[in-house]
N, C-alpha and C. Protein backbone atom coordinates (compact mmCIF):
# COMPACT_ATOMS: atom_id res chain seq x y z
N MET A 1 27.51 -19.00 17.53
CA MET A 1 26.16 -18.27 18.48
C MET A 1 25.80 -17.48 17.96
N ILE A 2 24.67 -17.45 17.69
CA ILE A 2 24.32 -15.73 16.68
C ILE A 2 24.01 -15.19 17.67
N THR A 3 24.91 -13.40 17.63
CA THR A 3 25.22 -12.66 18.74
C THR A 3 24.96 -10.90 17.72
N SER A 4 25.01 -11.18 16.22
CA SER A 4 25.24 -9.77 15.63
C SER A 4 24.48 -10.06 14.56
N GLU A 5 24.15 -8.46 13.51
CA GLU A 5 23.98 -8.68 12.31
C GLU A 5 24.81 -9.04 11.37
N LYS A 6 26.18 -9.21 11.85
CA LYS A 6 27.41 -9.64 10.89
C LYS A 6 27.44 -11.08 10.75
N ASP A 7 26.97 -11.76 11.72
CA ASP A 7 26.47 -13.49 11.78
C ASP A 7 25.55 -13.74 10.85
N ILE A 8 24.89 -13.12 10.78
CA ILE A 8 23.64 -13.17 9.99
C ILE A 8 24.03 -12.74 8.61
N CYS A 9 24.38 -12.60 8.11
CA CYS A 9 25.18 -11.63 6.76
C CYS A 9 25.87 -12.97 7.08
N ASN A 10 26.57 -13.14 7.41
CA ASN A 10 28.04 -14.17 7.30
C ASN A 10 27.49 -15.51 6.93
N MET A 11 26.63 -15.68 7.62
CA MET A 11 25.40 -17.15 7.52
C MET A 11 24.83 -16.95 5.89
N ALA A 12 24.83 -15.58 5.31
CA ALA A 12 24.04 -15.46 3.92
C ALA A 12 24.94 -15.37 3.15
N LEU A 13 26.39 -15.15 3.47
CA LEU A 13 27.25 -15.20 2.31
C LEU A 13 28.22 -16.59 2.29
N ASP A 14 27.66 -17.43 3.47
CA ASP A 14 27.99 -18.58 3.43
C ASP A 14 27.35 -19.81 2.62
N TYR A 15 25.75 -19.39 2.66
CA TYR A 15 25.16 -20.07 1.62
C TYR A 15 25.45 -19.94 0.28
N CYS A 16 26.06 -18.60 -0.24
CA CYS A 16 26.29 -18.01 -1.71
C CYS A 16 27.75 -18.33 -1.79
N ASN A 17 28.57 -19.30 -1.33
CA ASN A 17 29.94 -19.38 -1.13
C ASN A 17 30.75 -18.42 -1.71
N CYS A 18 30.45 -17.55 -0.31
CA CYS A 18 31.14 -16.25 -0.72
C CYS A 18 31.84 -15.65 0.81
N ARG A 19 32.67 -14.87 0.73
CA ARG A 19 33.85 -14.51 1.87
C ARG A 19 32.96 -14.09 2.52
N ASN A 20 33.48 -14.47 4.10
CA ASN A 20 32.94 -13.68 5.21
C ASN A 20 33.01 -12.10 5.25
N ILE A 21 32.50 -11.01 5.99
CA ILE A 21 32.76 -9.91 6.46
C ILE A 21 33.00 -10.01 8.11
N THR A 22 34.33 -8.87 8.46
CA THR A 22 34.05 -8.52 9.40
C THR A 22 33.67 -7.73 10.09
N SER A 23 33.37 -6.49 9.49
CA SER A 23 32.10 -5.85 10.07
C SER A 23 31.19 -5.68 8.94
N MET A 24 30.20 -4.54 9.61
CA MET A 24 29.31 -4.44 8.52
C MET A 24 29.44 -3.00 7.70
N ASP A 25 30.79 -2.41 8.02
CA ASP A 25 31.10 -1.11 7.70
C ASP A 25 31.92 -1.34 6.83
N GLU A 26 32.59 -2.46 6.60
CA GLU A 26 33.78 -2.35 5.70
C GLU A 26 33.36 -2.60 4.32
N GLU A 27 34.77 -1.67 3.45
CA GLU A 27 34.51 -1.67 2.49
C GLU A 27 34.73 -2.76 0.98
N THR A 28 33.54 -3.37 1.40
CA THR A 28 33.95 -4.48 0.24
C THR A 28 32.63 -4.51 -0.28
N LYS A 29 32.03 -5.57 -1.70
CA LYS A 29 31.21 -5.33 -1.80
C LYS A 29 29.87 -6.20 -0.94
N GLU A 30 30.69 -7.42 -0.70
CA GLU A 30 29.84 -8.24 0.24
C GLU A 30 29.10 -7.59 1.20
N SER A 31 29.88 -6.53 1.87
CA SER A 31 29.68 -5.72 2.93
C SER A 31 28.54 -5.11 2.53
N LYS A 32 28.70 -4.17 1.45
CA LYS A 32 27.68 -3.50 0.93
C LYS A 32 26.57 -3.91 0.76
N LYS A 33 26.65 -4.99 -0.01
CA LYS A 33 24.97 -5.83 -0.42
C LYS A 33 24.36 -6.40 1.01
N CYS A 34 24.98 -7.02 1.84
CA CYS A 34 24.02 -7.01 2.79
C CYS A 34 23.74 -6.06 3.73
N LEU A 35 24.66 -4.98 3.79
CA LEU A 35 24.19 -3.94 4.33
C LEU A 35 22.92 -3.17 3.84
N ALA A 36 22.80 -3.45 2.47
CA ALA A 36 21.86 -2.56 1.70
C ALA A 36 20.54 -3.68 1.94
N TRP A 37 20.68 -5.01 1.71
CA TRP A 37 19.30 -5.08 1.65
C TRP A 37 19.02 -6.15 3.34
N TYR A 38 19.74 -6.34 4.30
CA TYR A 38 19.48 -6.89 6.14
C TYR A 38 18.15 -5.86 6.37
N ASP A 39 17.94 -5.11 6.27
CA ASP A 39 17.05 -4.26 7.11
C ASP A 39 16.07 -4.32 6.50
N ASN A 40 15.91 -4.33 5.23
CA ASN A 40 14.51 -4.31 4.67
C ASN A 40 13.59 -5.53 4.76
N VAL A 41 14.63 -6.60 4.45
CA VAL A 41 14.63 -8.68 4.69
C VAL A 41 13.86 -8.27 5.98
N ARG A 42 14.80 -8.00 7.29
CA ARG A 42 14.49 -8.47 8.28
C ARG A 42 13.07 -8.01 8.88
N LYS A 43 12.80 -6.83 8.01
CA LYS A 43 11.53 -6.32 8.99
C LYS A 43 10.48 -6.90 8.13
N ALA A 44 10.13 -7.34 7.22
CA ALA A 44 9.41 -7.76 6.03
C ALA A 44 8.95 -9.40 6.62
N LEU A 45 10.06 -9.90 6.96
CA LEU A 45 9.97 -11.14 7.97
C LEU A 45 9.41 -11.10 9.24
N LEU A 46 9.73 -10.18 9.70
CA LEU A 46 8.93 -10.04 11.38
C LEU A 46 7.31 -9.49 10.75
N MET A 47 7.23 -8.55 10.06
CA MET A 47 6.05 -8.42 9.74
C MET A 47 4.87 -9.98 9.50
N ASN A 48 5.64 -10.85 8.98
CA ASN A 48 5.06 -11.63 7.66
C ASN A 48 4.56 -12.92 8.75
N MET A 49 5.77 -13.00 9.82
CA MET A 49 6.38 -13.86 10.44
C MET A 49 5.27 -14.45 11.94
N ASN A 50 4.95 -13.45 12.03
CA ASN A 50 4.19 -13.09 13.58
C ASN A 50 5.27 -14.04 14.02
N ALA A 51 6.39 -13.96 14.58
CA ALA A 51 7.49 -14.91 15.39
C ALA A 51 6.87 -14.75 17.03
N THR A 52 7.13 -15.52 17.74
CA THR A 52 6.27 -15.31 19.22
C THR A 52 7.77 -14.50 19.97
N PHE A 53 8.76 -14.24 19.60
CA PHE A 53 9.47 -13.42 20.18
C PHE A 53 9.40 -11.89 19.70
N SER A 54 8.43 -11.29 18.41
CA SER A 54 8.20 -10.15 18.21
C SER A 54 7.09 -9.68 18.38
N ILE A 55 6.42 -10.69 18.87
CA ILE A 55 4.95 -10.22 19.64
C ILE A 55 5.20 -9.37 21.09
N LYS A 56 4.28 -8.23 21.43
CA LYS A 56 4.15 -7.53 22.43
C LYS A 56 2.82 -6.95 22.59
N ARG A 57 2.72 -6.40 23.57
CA ARG A 57 1.73 -5.76 24.00
C ARG A 57 1.80 -4.81 24.67
N ALA A 58 1.00 -3.45 24.75
CA ALA A 58 0.93 -2.42 25.10
C ALA A 58 -0.32 -1.46 25.42
N THR A 59 -0.45 -0.92 26.37
CA THR A 59 -1.82 0.36 26.91
C THR A 59 -0.44 1.60 26.03
N LEU A 60 -2.04 2.35 24.96
CA LEU A 60 -1.62 2.94 24.50
C LEU A 60 -2.06 4.39 25.33
N ALA A 61 -1.86 5.48 25.32
CA ALA A 61 -1.34 7.12 26.26
C ALA A 61 -2.41 7.88 24.92
N GLU A 62 -3.72 8.55 25.12
CA GLU A 62 -3.93 9.75 24.33
C GLU A 62 -3.38 10.63 24.29
N THR A 63 -3.33 11.11 23.44
CA THR A 63 -2.42 12.42 23.12
C THR A 63 -3.12 13.42 22.53
N THR A 64 -2.67 14.98 22.57
CA THR A 64 -3.82 15.53 22.18
C THR A 64 -2.42 16.29 21.28
N ASN A 65 -1.24 15.93 21.25
CA ASN A 65 -0.32 17.01 20.80
C ASN A 65 -0.02 16.24 19.04
N TYR A 66 -1.44 16.50 18.59
CA TYR A 66 -1.79 16.04 17.27
C TYR A 66 -2.60 16.87 16.05
N GLU A 67 -2.85 17.50 15.17
CA GLU A 67 -3.59 18.23 14.38
C GLU A 67 -4.75 17.52 14.20
N LYS A 68 -5.85 18.04 14.70
CA LYS A 68 -6.92 17.88 14.52
C LYS A 68 -7.74 17.64 13.26
N VAL A 69 -7.92 16.23 12.88
CA VAL A 69 -8.95 16.01 11.51
C VAL A 69 -10.04 15.31 12.00
N TYR A 70 -10.44 14.95 10.78
CA TYR A 70 -12.17 14.94 10.18
C TYR A 70 -11.88 13.23 10.75
N GLY A 71 -13.45 12.38 11.08
CA GLY A 71 -13.72 11.17 11.08
C GLY A 71 -13.27 10.76 12.34
N TYR A 72 -12.41 11.27 13.24
CA TYR A 72 -11.91 10.56 14.23
C TYR A 72 -12.18 11.64 15.79
N ASP A 73 -12.61 11.26 17.06
CA ASP A 73 -12.77 12.07 18.04
C ASP A 73 -11.19 11.63 18.98
N ARG A 74 -9.94 11.04 18.94
CA ARG A 74 -9.12 10.89 19.84
C ARG A 74 -8.15 10.07 18.97
N ALA A 75 -7.16 10.47 19.76
CA ALA A 75 -6.02 9.93 19.11
C ALA A 75 -5.15 9.23 20.37
N PHE A 76 -4.21 8.24 19.95
CA PHE A 76 -3.58 7.75 20.98
C PHE A 76 -2.21 7.38 19.90
N ALA A 77 -0.99 7.63 21.20
CA ALA A 77 0.53 7.47 20.54
C ALA A 77 0.93 5.93 20.39
N LEU A 78 1.63 5.63 19.63
CA LEU A 78 1.94 4.24 19.09
C LEU A 78 3.41 4.12 19.41
N PRO A 79 3.79 2.80 19.79
CA PRO A 79 4.58 2.45 20.25
C PRO A 79 6.14 2.74 19.25
N SER A 80 6.81 2.89 19.73
CA SER A 80 8.18 3.46 18.91
C SER A 80 8.71 2.02 18.32
N ASP A 81 8.55 0.90 18.79
CA ASP A 81 8.92 -0.45 17.57
C ASP A 81 8.10 -0.80 17.42
N LEU A 82 6.87 -0.19 17.15
CA LEU A 82 5.65 -0.86 16.69
C LEU A 82 6.14 -1.09 15.24
N LEU A 83 6.01 -2.59 14.45
CA LEU A 83 5.59 -2.29 12.80
C LEU A 83 4.17 -2.67 11.97
N GLN A 84 3.33 -3.51 13.15
CA GLN A 84 1.93 -3.76 12.41
C GLN A 84 1.70 -4.02 13.74
N VAL A 85 -0.07 -3.71 14.04
CA VAL A 85 -1.14 -3.68 14.65
C VAL A 85 -2.14 -5.17 14.64
N LEU A 86 -1.57 -6.07 15.54
CA LEU A 86 -2.12 -7.35 15.34
C LEU A 86 -3.91 -7.70 15.75
N ASN A 87 -4.04 -6.69 16.76
CA ASN A 87 -5.68 -6.74 16.88
C ASN A 87 -5.67 -5.64 18.63
N LEU A 88 -6.68 -5.40 19.00
CA LEU A 88 -7.10 -4.81 20.13
C LEU A 88 -6.67 -5.92 21.09
N GLY A 89 -6.81 -5.45 22.58
CA GLY A 89 -6.23 -5.96 23.54
C GLY A 89 -7.64 -7.66 23.55
N ASN A 90 -8.52 -7.08 23.57
CA ASN A 90 -9.72 -8.23 23.08
C ASN A 90 -9.71 -8.98 21.56
N PRO A 91 -8.93 -9.63 20.92
CA PRO A 91 -9.12 -10.16 19.48
C PRO A 91 -10.21 -10.41 18.90
N LEU A 92 -11.76 -10.11 19.73
CA LEU A 92 -13.03 -10.46 19.42
C LEU A 92 -13.58 -8.62 19.53
N ALA A 93 -12.85 -8.07 19.84
CA ALA A 93 -13.31 -6.68 20.16
C ALA A 93 -13.55 -5.88 19.11
N ASP A 94 -14.97 -5.27 19.05
CA ASP A 94 -15.76 -4.47 17.64
C ASP A 94 -15.58 -3.22 17.81
N GLU A 95 -14.49 -2.43 17.53
CA GLU A 95 -13.56 -1.37 17.13
C GLU A 95 -13.56 -1.49 16.03
N TYR A 96 -13.76 0.13 15.45
CA TYR A 96 -12.73 0.50 14.56
C TYR A 96 -12.13 1.46 15.02
N TYR A 97 -10.97 1.37 13.91
CA TYR A 97 -9.57 2.60 14.31
C TYR A 97 -8.76 2.25 12.93
N GLN A 98 -8.08 3.79 13.20
CA GLN A 98 -7.50 3.90 11.76
C GLN A 98 -5.87 4.35 12.29
N ILE A 99 -4.70 3.47 11.82
CA ILE A 99 -3.16 3.69 11.78
C ILE A 99 -2.56 4.84 10.60
N GLU A 100 -2.19 5.91 11.21
CA GLU A 100 -1.74 7.58 10.32
C GLU A 100 -0.62 7.65 11.03
N GLY A 101 0.34 7.50 10.43
CA GLY A 101 1.26 7.88 11.03
C GLY A 101 2.00 7.48 12.03
N ASP A 102 1.82 7.98 13.08
CA ASP A 102 2.50 7.90 14.67
C ASP A 102 1.07 7.94 15.23
N TYR A 103 -0.05 7.98 14.83
CA TYR A 103 -1.26 7.66 15.78
C TYR A 103 -2.09 6.50 15.50
N PHE A 104 -2.92 6.41 16.36
CA PHE A 104 -3.71 4.98 16.68
C PHE A 104 -5.43 6.37 16.65
N PHE A 105 -6.16 6.20 15.85
CA PHE A 105 -7.11 6.64 15.76
C PHE A 105 -8.43 6.32 16.34
N THR A 106 -9.74 6.68 17.09
CA THR A 106 -10.76 5.97 17.08
C THR A 106 -11.55 6.78 18.06
N ASN A 107 -12.88 6.69 17.88
CA ASN A 107 -14.14 7.15 18.63
C ASN A 107 -14.19 6.44 19.90
N SER A 108 -13.42 5.33 20.34
CA SER A 108 -13.60 4.59 21.53
C SER A 108 -14.02 5.58 22.69
N HIS A 109 -15.01 5.23 23.67
CA HIS A 109 -15.16 5.94 24.62
C HIS A 109 -14.16 5.33 25.82
N GLU A 110 -13.46 4.14 25.49
CA GLU A 110 -12.33 3.86 26.32
C GLU A 110 -11.63 4.66 26.96
N LYS A 111 -10.96 4.68 28.36
CA LYS A 111 -9.48 5.34 28.62
C LYS A 111 -8.40 4.79 27.83
N HIS A 112 -8.45 3.73 27.87
CA HIS A 112 -6.78 2.88 27.75
C HIS A 112 -7.03 2.31 26.36
N ILE A 113 -6.27 2.37 25.41
CA ILE A 113 -6.21 1.33 24.28
C ILE A 113 -4.95 0.21 24.61
N SER A 114 -5.00 -0.71 24.95
CA SER A 114 -4.46 -1.83 24.35
C SER A 114 -4.46 -2.81 23.50
N ILE A 115 -3.19 -2.23 22.76
CA ILE A 115 -3.18 -3.36 21.99
C ILE A 115 -2.10 -5.07 21.52
N ARG A 116 -2.21 -5.69 20.74
CA ARG A 116 -1.10 -6.72 20.55
C ARG A 116 -0.45 -6.03 19.22
N TYR A 117 0.82 -6.02 18.63
CA TYR A 117 1.93 -5.78 18.25
C TYR A 117 2.62 -6.42 17.81
N ILE A 118 3.23 -6.33 16.39
CA ILE A 118 4.72 -6.76 16.02
C ILE A 118 5.79 -5.98 16.23
N ALA A 119 6.85 -6.03 16.93
CA ALA A 119 8.13 -5.26 17.39
C ALA A 119 9.06 -5.15 16.29
N ASP A 120 9.84 -4.18 16.63
CA ASP A 120 10.73 -3.68 15.56
C ASP A 120 12.11 -4.75 15.95
N VAL A 121 12.08 -6.00 16.34
CA VAL A 121 13.40 -6.49 17.07
C VAL A 121 14.26 -6.73 16.47
N LYS A 122 15.45 -5.68 16.95
CA LYS A 122 16.51 -5.51 16.41
C LYS A 122 17.69 -6.75 16.85
N ASP A 123 17.32 -6.47 17.79
CA ASP A 123 18.61 -7.40 18.66
C ASP A 123 18.64 -9.14 18.26
N VAL A 124 19.46 -9.37 17.20
CA VAL A 124 19.22 -10.93 17.07
C VAL A 124 19.90 -12.30 17.94
N THR A 125 19.93 -11.54 19.12
CA THR A 125 19.93 -12.28 20.57
C THR A 125 18.82 -12.71 20.80
N LYS A 126 17.72 -12.17 20.40
CA LYS A 126 15.89 -12.33 20.78
C LYS A 126 15.75 -13.19 20.02
N TYR A 127 16.21 -13.33 18.55
CA TYR A 127 15.96 -13.99 17.35
C TYR A 127 15.62 -15.91 18.21
N ASP A 128 15.00 -16.82 17.66
CA ASP A 128 15.19 -18.03 17.66
C ASP A 128 16.19 -18.91 16.38
N ALA A 129 16.87 -20.03 16.39
CA ALA A 129 17.48 -20.57 15.39
C ALA A 129 17.27 -20.79 14.29
N GLU A 130 15.58 -20.70 14.60
CA GLU A 130 14.53 -21.07 12.83
C GLU A 130 14.66 -19.80 12.21
N PHE A 131 14.63 -18.52 13.22
CA PHE A 131 14.10 -17.64 12.20
C PHE A 131 15.95 -16.70 11.84
N CYS A 132 16.59 -17.00 12.39
CA CYS A 132 17.93 -16.52 12.21
C CYS A 132 18.30 -17.21 10.96
N ASP A 133 18.19 -18.42 10.55
CA ASP A 133 18.41 -19.32 9.19
C ASP A 133 17.43 -18.65 7.92
N LEU A 134 16.42 -18.61 8.75
CA LEU A 134 15.40 -18.02 7.69
C LEU A 134 15.50 -16.74 6.95
N LEU A 135 16.09 -15.73 7.61
CA LEU A 135 16.59 -14.33 7.73
C LEU A 135 17.58 -14.54 6.83
N ALA A 136 18.58 -15.40 7.24
CA ALA A 136 20.29 -16.01 6.50
C ALA A 136 19.79 -15.92 4.89
N LEU A 137 18.75 -16.90 5.04
CA LEU A 137 18.24 -17.61 3.53
C LEU A 137 17.67 -16.55 2.64
N ARG A 138 17.07 -15.66 3.62
CA ARG A 138 16.29 -14.52 2.37
C ARG A 138 17.38 -13.74 2.08
N LEU A 139 18.39 -13.11 2.73
CA LEU A 139 19.03 -12.40 2.91
C LEU A 139 20.02 -12.78 1.87
N ALA A 140 20.56 -14.20 1.55
CA ALA A 140 21.37 -14.94 0.64
C ALA A 140 20.52 -14.62 -0.38
N GLU A 141 19.17 -15.00 -0.66
CA GLU A 141 18.47 -14.82 -1.57
C GLU A 141 18.60 -13.83 -2.67
N LYS A 142 18.27 -12.61 -1.90
CA LYS A 142 19.03 -11.32 -2.54
C LYS A 142 19.95 -10.79 -3.07
N ILE A 143 21.26 -11.46 -2.45
CA ILE A 143 22.76 -10.75 -2.42
C ILE A 143 23.43 -11.95 -3.25
N CYS A 144 23.02 -13.02 -3.48
CA CYS A 144 23.66 -13.95 -4.41
C CYS A 144 24.14 -14.09 -5.80
N LEU A 145 22.84 -13.55 -6.32
CA LEU A 145 23.45 -13.71 -8.05
C LEU A 145 24.20 -11.74 -8.00
N PRO A 146 23.65 -10.94 -7.23
CA PRO A 146 24.59 -10.06 -7.72
C PRO A 146 25.60 -10.46 -7.52
N LEU A 147 26.41 -11.26 -5.89
CA LEU A 147 27.86 -11.55 -5.92
C LEU A 147 28.47 -12.74 -6.58
N THR A 148 27.74 -13.53 -6.84
CA THR A 148 28.19 -14.71 -7.72
C THR A 148 27.84 -14.92 -9.04
N GLU A 149 27.55 -13.82 -9.42
CA GLU A 149 26.04 -14.34 -11.02
C GLU A 149 25.97 -16.21 -11.50
N ASP A 150 25.96 -16.32 -10.59
CA ASP A 150 25.43 -17.91 -10.75
C ASP A 150 24.42 -18.57 -10.58
N VAL A 151 23.48 -18.15 -11.83
CA VAL A 151 21.87 -18.34 -11.67
C VAL A 151 21.63 -19.92 -10.79
N GLU A 152 22.40 -20.78 -10.80
CA GLU A 152 22.18 -22.03 -10.46
C GLU A 152 21.72 -22.29 -9.05
N LYS A 153 23.31 -21.61 -8.73
CA LYS A 153 22.54 -21.33 -6.94
C LYS A 153 22.35 -20.30 -6.44
N ALA A 154 21.52 -19.26 -7.27
CA ALA A 154 20.68 -18.52 -6.77
C ALA A 154 19.38 -18.88 -6.68
N ASN A 155 19.17 -19.99 -7.66
CA ASN A 155 17.62 -20.19 -7.64
C ASN A 155 17.33 -21.87 -6.32
N TYR A 156 18.68 -22.22 -6.22
CA TYR A 156 18.73 -23.31 -5.71
C TYR A 156 18.83 -22.66 -3.69
N ILE A 157 19.59 -21.25 -3.94
CA ILE A 157 19.19 -21.30 -2.31
C ILE A 157 17.53 -20.30 -2.39
N LYS A 158 17.12 -19.87 -3.52
CA LYS A 158 15.59 -19.19 -3.43
C LYS A 158 14.50 -20.28 -3.11
N GLN A 159 14.78 -21.96 -3.50
CA GLN A 159 14.31 -23.12 -3.10
C GLN A 159 14.25 -23.72 -1.44
N LEU A 160 15.86 -23.07 -0.85
CA LEU A 160 15.87 -23.66 0.06
C LEU A 160 15.48 -22.79 1.36
N ALA A 161 15.01 -21.48 0.64
CA ALA A 161 14.09 -19.82 1.63
C ALA A 161 13.17 -20.62 1.51
N GLN A 162 12.20 -21.19 0.36
CA GLN A 162 10.91 -20.85 0.29
C GLN A 162 10.42 -21.85 1.19
N GLN A 163 11.40 -22.93 1.37
CA GLN A 163 11.72 -24.38 2.43
C GLN A 163 11.03 -23.66 3.72
N LYS A 164 11.91 -23.61 3.73
CA LYS A 164 12.30 -22.52 5.73
C LYS A 164 11.44 -21.71 5.74
N TYR A 165 10.80 -20.85 5.19
CA TYR A 165 9.69 -19.79 5.28
C TYR A 165 8.31 -20.69 5.28
N ASN A 166 7.92 -21.50 4.78
CA ASN A 166 6.87 -22.59 4.93
C ASN A 166 6.94 -23.59 6.26
N GLU A 167 7.97 -23.97 6.63
CA GLU A 167 8.53 -24.76 7.71
C GLU A 167 8.52 -23.53 9.11
N CYS A 168 8.94 -22.02 9.08
CA CYS A 168 8.80 -21.20 10.35
C CYS A 168 6.93 -20.62 10.58
N SER A 169 6.68 -20.32 8.75
CA SER A 169 4.95 -20.14 8.84
C SER A 169 3.79 -21.56 9.56
N THR A 170 4.55 -22.19 9.49
CA THR A 170 4.00 -23.51 10.23
C THR A 170 4.08 -23.55 11.74
N LYS A 171 5.23 -23.51 12.24
CA LYS A 171 5.79 -23.32 13.19
C LYS A 171 5.33 -21.73 14.28
N TYR A 172 5.11 -20.92 13.36
CA TYR A 172 4.91 -19.88 14.54
C TYR A 172 3.17 -19.68 14.38
N GLY A 173 2.71 -20.38 13.56
CA GLY A 173 1.77 -20.33 12.63
C GLY A 173 0.28 -21.27 14.41
N ARG A 174 1.39 -22.31 14.66
CA ARG A 174 0.75 -23.07 15.56
C ARG A 174 0.67 -22.29 17.26
N ASP A 175 1.54 -21.81 17.11
CA ASP A 175 1.74 -21.02 18.25
C ASP A 175 1.20 -20.02 18.24
N ASN A 176 0.77 -18.64 17.59
CA ASN A 176 -0.08 -17.78 17.31
C ASN A 176 -1.40 -18.15 16.20
N ARG A 177 -2.28 -18.91 16.60
CA ARG A 177 -3.36 -18.68 15.85
C ARG A 177 -4.17 -17.20 15.08
N ILE A 178 -4.62 -17.46 14.39
CA ILE A 178 -5.59 -16.76 13.66
C ILE A 178 -7.23 -16.69 14.08
N VAL A 179 -7.69 -15.65 14.83
CA VAL A 179 -8.70 -15.53 15.36
C VAL A 179 -9.11 -15.08 14.07
N VAL A 180 -10.37 -15.96 13.60
CA VAL A 180 -11.23 -15.25 12.71
C VAL A 180 -12.57 -14.48 13.11
N ILE A 181 -13.24 -13.68 12.69
CA ILE A 181 -14.19 -12.97 13.09
C ILE A 181 -14.60 -12.88 12.15
N ASN A 182 -16.22 -13.12 11.95
CA ASN A 182 -17.11 -13.63 11.03
C ASN A 182 -18.74 -12.59 11.29
N LYS A 183 -18.73 -11.40 11.01
CA LYS A 183 -19.79 -10.35 11.49
C LYS A 183 -20.71 -10.57 10.71
N PRO A 184 -22.15 -10.28 10.63
CA PRO A 184 -22.87 -10.52 9.92
C PRO A 184 -23.00 -9.24 8.95
N ARG A 185 -23.75 -9.20 7.73
CA ARG A 185 -23.56 -7.49 7.10
C ARG A 185 -24.03 -6.89 7.59
N TYR A 186 -25.06 -7.15 8.17
CA TYR A 186 -26.14 -5.79 8.58
C TYR A 186 -25.26 -5.34 9.98
N ARG A 187 -24.40 -6.12 10.74
CA ARG A 187 -23.98 -5.60 11.78
C ARG A 187 -22.89 -4.58 11.17
N GLN A 188 -22.17 -4.73 10.34
CA GLN A 188 -21.18 -3.96 9.76
C GLN A 188 -21.89 -2.70 9.13
N SER A 189 -23.17 -2.96 8.84
CA SER A 189 -23.86 -1.34 8.15
C SER A 189 -23.91 -0.47 9.11
N LYS A 190 -24.69 -1.08 10.29
CA LYS A 190 -25.35 -0.30 11.65
C LYS A 190 -23.77 0.02 12.05
N ILE A 191 -22.53 -0.41 12.53
CA ILE A 191 -21.69 0.02 13.18
C ILE A 191 -21.09 1.60 11.67
N TYR A 192 -21.09 0.87 10.44
CA TYR A 192 -20.88 2.51 9.77
C TYR A 192 -21.38 3.47 10.12
N ALA A 193 -22.98 2.95 9.91
CA ALA A 193 -24.08 4.07 10.42
C ALA A 193 -24.21 4.97 11.41
N GLU A 194 -23.47 4.44 12.55
CA GLU A 194 -23.29 4.62 14.06
C GLU A 194 -22.46 5.71 13.70
N ASN A 195 -20.94 5.18 13.20
CA ASN A 195 -19.99 6.26 13.26
C ASN A 195 -20.41 7.32 12.07
N TYR A 196 -20.79 7.37 11.20
CA TYR A 196 -20.84 8.35 10.55
C TYR A 196 -22.25 9.49 10.98
N ASN A 197 -22.57 8.90 11.64
CA ASN A 197 -23.48 9.93 12.42
C ASN A 197 -23.32 10.46 13.26
N ALA A 198 -21.82 9.65 14.11
CA ALA A 198 -21.63 10.41 15.20
C ALA A 198 -20.38 11.05 14.90
N ASN A 199 -20.07 11.18 13.53
CA ASN A 199 -19.01 12.14 13.11
C ASN A 199 -19.53 13.27 12.43
N TYR A 200 -20.76 13.14 11.76
CA TYR A 200 -21.30 13.64 10.83
C TYR A 200 -22.99 14.26 11.25
N PRO A 201 -23.09 14.92 12.36
CA PRO A 201 -24.54 14.73 12.49
C PRO A 201 -25.08 16.01 11.83
N ALA A 202 -26.82 15.26 12.24
CA ALA A 202 -28.09 16.06 11.17
C ALA A 202 -27.49 17.67 11.50
N GLN A 203 -27.62 18.65 10.60
CA GLN A 203 -27.92 20.24 11.06
C GLN A 203 -29.17 20.60 10.67
């Protein structure tokens, strides 16, 4: 049973045929390589996969605790665990917004802004078995050659990782279908013009 980051790292090391670690902090080359790559690989996969366990919803609270900038009238504080915004509460919402730093900027007059987003899920017990295997393979892909200097083994792991990536993409794609918004070009121009006029009124 996978209960910790160490377990994921040991799965990766098993793929590489390398010795397992007893903790993430031990002074071994295996632990140091795992520690160097684990978090980057984990976050990249979460953002690319749209895994069901990582998707959350939140209603953002407006904040005035920011330096007023040009272009947008209102700012909302983002969730602390946010990695990537997927869409506003309504997938077909015709709203323009910008994410900069810790803030969600918009000219919307709505009192509350609701979003769907990918959360930075660190608790590995939340991961499903497929994601655990994919994370271990992607990590093995990064650490195999530095640890083993075995090009053939590294290439084999790379193929396994890509195959698992494709399988997971299909799985999560069925659970979270992408909504495509096809807006006419004249409509886009009209919205841009309205936003510009609102922000830069004629003198």
